[in-house]
């Protein structure tokens, strides 16, 4: 059986920084029970613990790169430039640092897909801005389809 983990990174009490947890909430009733869903604040060792041993880890986070709010950046482990190509995570540690640490510790998943949503407002408060809300809905559909297909194929 394929071990799949979907991790939503962020803080739902900082508006658009809650994009990752919002995707997890949207997936709760859309994924097979074998797919593990988790939220994380982005601390590298917690991220590594969540994806360790996975055949596929899907990570969703909010970023700020200067692209229009709601833009979705898609990356894979083969091209982990997400932390080095002008995409700054909306919290203290970027995903590039967590991936580098996991690689050094030999704790990377077999495959990793990254979905980074361009944030607009990361001030204190709850609720996503309209552009990010649209991106989250798109990602819920896309990720549900991807992980369901992978979880059910033999």
Protein backbone atom coordinates (compact mmCIF):
# COMPACT_ATOMS: atom_id res chain seq x y z
CA UNK A 1 0.00 0.00 0.00
CA UNK A 2 1.25 3.48 -0.87
CA UNK A 3 1.94 5.61 2.20
CA UNK A 4 0.60 9.09 1.45
CA UNK A 5 0.78 12.14 3.71
CA UNK A 6 -0.73 15.54 3.01
CA UNK A 7 0.62 18.32 5.22
CA UNK A 8 -0.89 21.79 5.46
CA UNK A 9 1.68 24.25 6.77
CA UNK A 10 0.64 27.53 8.34
CA UNK A 11 -1.25 29.40 10.98
CA UNK A 12 -5.01 29.80 10.50
CA UNK A 13 -4.94 32.82 12.86
CA UNK A 14 -2.79 34.79 10.40
CA UNK A 15 -5.27 35.10 7.54
CA UNK A 16 -3.72 33.77 4.28
CA UNK A 17 -1.00 31.94 6.19
CA UNK A 18 -3.85 29.52 6.95
CA UNK A 19 -4.02 28.31 3.33
CA UNK A 20 -2.30 25.00 4.18
CA UNK A 21 -4.61 24.16 7.10
CA UNK A 22 -7.61 25.24 4.98
CA UNK A 23 -6.64 22.70 2.32
CA UNK A 24 -6.40 19.99 4.99
CA UNK A 25 -9.87 20.93 6.27
CA UNK A 26 -11.24 20.67 2.73
CA UNK A 27 -9.65 17.24 2.23
CA UNK A 28 -10.97 15.66 5.44
CA UNK A 29 -13.97 14.07 3.74
CA UNK A 30 -12.49 13.76 0.25
CA UNK A 31 -9.55 11.39 0.75
CA UNK A 32 -9.40 7.65 1.34
CA UNK A 33 -8.84 6.77 5.01
CA UNK A 34 -5.35 5.47 4.19
CA UNK A 35 -4.20 9.02 3.32
CA UNK A 36 -2.84 10.71 6.44
CA UNK A 37 -3.73 14.40 6.77
CA UNK A 38 -1.83 16.72 9.11
CA UNK A 39 -1.35 20.37 9.96
CA UNK A 40 2.02 21.81 10.92
CA UNK A 41 3.38 25.20 11.93
CA UNK A 42 6.38 24.71 9.64
CA UNK A 43 8.97 23.84 12.27
CA UNK A 44 11.48 21.67 10.32
CA UNK A 45 11.71 18.70 12.69
CA UNK A 46 7.91 18.44 12.92
CA UNK A 47 7.67 18.52 9.12
CA UNK A 48 10.33 15.83 8.81
CA UNK A 49 8.51 13.64 11.35
CA UNK A 50 5.28 14.03 9.39
CA UNK A 51 6.69 13.06 6.00
CA UNK A 52 9.27 10.52 7.17
CA UNK A 53 8.58 7.09 5.66
CA UNK A 54 6.04 8.38 3.14
CA UNK A 55 6.01 7.18 -0.44
CA UNK A 56 4.37 10.49 -1.33
CA UNK A 57 4.27 13.66 0.76
CA UNK A 58 2.15 16.56 -0.44
CA UNK A 59 2.94 19.84 1.30
CA UNK A 60 0.79 22.97 1.03
CA UNK A 61 2.04 26.32 2.31
CA UNK A 62 1.56 30.05 1.82
CA UNK A 63 4.40 32.06 0.27
CA UNK A 64 5.26 35.57 -0.81
CA UNK A 65 7.21 35.89 -4.03
CA UNK A 66 5.66 38.97 -5.55
CA UNK A 67 3.28 37.02 -7.80
CA UNK A 68 -0.41 37.97 -7.70
CA UNK A 69 -2.30 36.75 -4.60
CA UNK A 70 -3.81 33.32 -5.12
CA UNK A 71 -1.16 32.20 -7.62
CA UNK A 72 -0.33 28.53 -7.09
CA UNK A 73 3.30 27.50 -7.44
CA UNK A 74 3.73 23.76 -8.06
CA UNK A 75 7.07 22.11 -7.31
CA UNK A 76 8.42 18.62 -6.81
CA UNK A 77 11.26 17.15 -4.79
CA UNK A 78 13.23 16.84 -8.02
CA UNK A 79 13.11 20.64 -8.36
CA UNK A 80 13.03 21.94 -4.77
CA UNK A 81 13.82 25.52 -5.71
CA UNK A 82 10.79 26.67 -3.71
CA UNK A 83 12.93 27.93 -0.87
CA UNK A 84 15.56 29.54 -3.03
CA UNK A 85 13.76 31.14 -5.95
CA UNK A 86 12.27 34.22 -4.39
CA UNK A 87 9.43 32.37 -2.65
CA UNK A 88 9.65 33.21 1.01
CA UNK A 89 7.43 31.27 3.36
CA UNK A 90 5.10 33.43 5.37
CA UNK A 91 6.62 32.13 8.61
CA UNK A 92 10.13 32.01 10.07
CA UNK A 93 11.52 28.89 8.37
CA UNK A 94 11.15 28.10 4.68
CA UNK A 95 10.49 24.64 3.27
CA UNK A 96 13.89 24.63 1.56
CA UNK A 97 15.58 24.49 4.95
CA UNK A 98 13.37 21.59 6.08
CA UNK A 99 14.09 19.65 2.88
CA UNK A 100 17.83 20.28 3.18
CA UNK A 101 17.79 19.05 6.79
CA UNK A 102 15.72 15.98 5.85
CA UNK A 103 18.15 15.17 3.03
CA UNK A 104 21.10 15.42 5.41
CA UNK A 105 19.29 13.09 7.84
CA UNK A 106 18.18 10.70 5.05
CA UNK A 107 14.53 11.29 6.01
CA UNK A 108 13.02 12.55 2.77
CA UNK A 109 9.88 10.91 1.42
CA UNK A 110 10.24 8.93 -1.79
CA UNK A 111 8.39 11.68 -3.66
CA UNK A 112 7.28 15.15 -2.59
CA UNK A 113 4.84 17.52 -4.25
CA UNK A 114 4.69 21.12 -3.08
CA UNK A 115 1.80 23.47 -3.59
CA UNK A 116 2.64 27.02 -2.59
CA UNK A 117 -0.16 29.58 -2.52
CA UNK A 118 0.72 33.23 -2.97
CA UNK A 119 -0.51 35.05 0.13
CA UNK A 120 -1.94 38.55 0.24
CA UNK A 121 -2.71 39.29 3.90
CA UNK A 122 -0.90 37.54 6.75
CA UNK A 123 -1.93 39.88 9.52
CA UNK A 124 -3.56 38.61 12.69
CA UNK A 125 -7.09 37.36 12.15
CA UNK A 126 -9.02 34.47 10.66
CA UNK A 127 -10.32 33.95 7.15
CA UNK A 128 -8.64 33.84 3.78
CA UNK A 129 -8.67 36.67 1.27
CA UNK A 130 -10.88 35.97 -1.78
CA UNK A 131 -8.00 35.13 -4.17
CA UNK A 132 -6.45 32.69 -1.71
CA UNK A 133 -9.85 31.14 -0.97
CA UNK A 134 -10.26 30.39 -4.70
CA UNK A 135 -6.74 28.87 -4.83
CA UNK A 136 -7.49 26.69 -1.79
CA UNK A 137 -10.67 25.34 -3.42
CA UNK A 138 -8.70 24.51 -6.58
CA UNK A 139 -6.02 22.74 -4.55
CA UNK A 140 -8.54 20.71 -2.57
CA UNK A 141 -9.94 19.36 -5.84
CA UNK A 142 -6.52 18.75 -7.40
CA UNK A 143 -4.94 17.10 -4.36
CA UNK A 144 -8.01 14.96 -3.61
CA UNK A 145 -7.93 13.62 -7.15
CA UNK A 146 -4.15 13.00 -7.06
CA UNK A 147 -4.00 11.21 -3.71
CA UNK A 148 -7.16 9.20 -4.33
CA UNK A 149 -5.76 7.94 -7.62
CA UNK A 150 -2.42 7.03 -6.00
CA UNK A 151 -4.03 5.44 -2.94
CA UNK A 152 -6.34 3.21 -4.97
CA UNK A 153 -4.00 2.00 -7.70
CA UNK A 154 -2.18 -1.28 -7.18
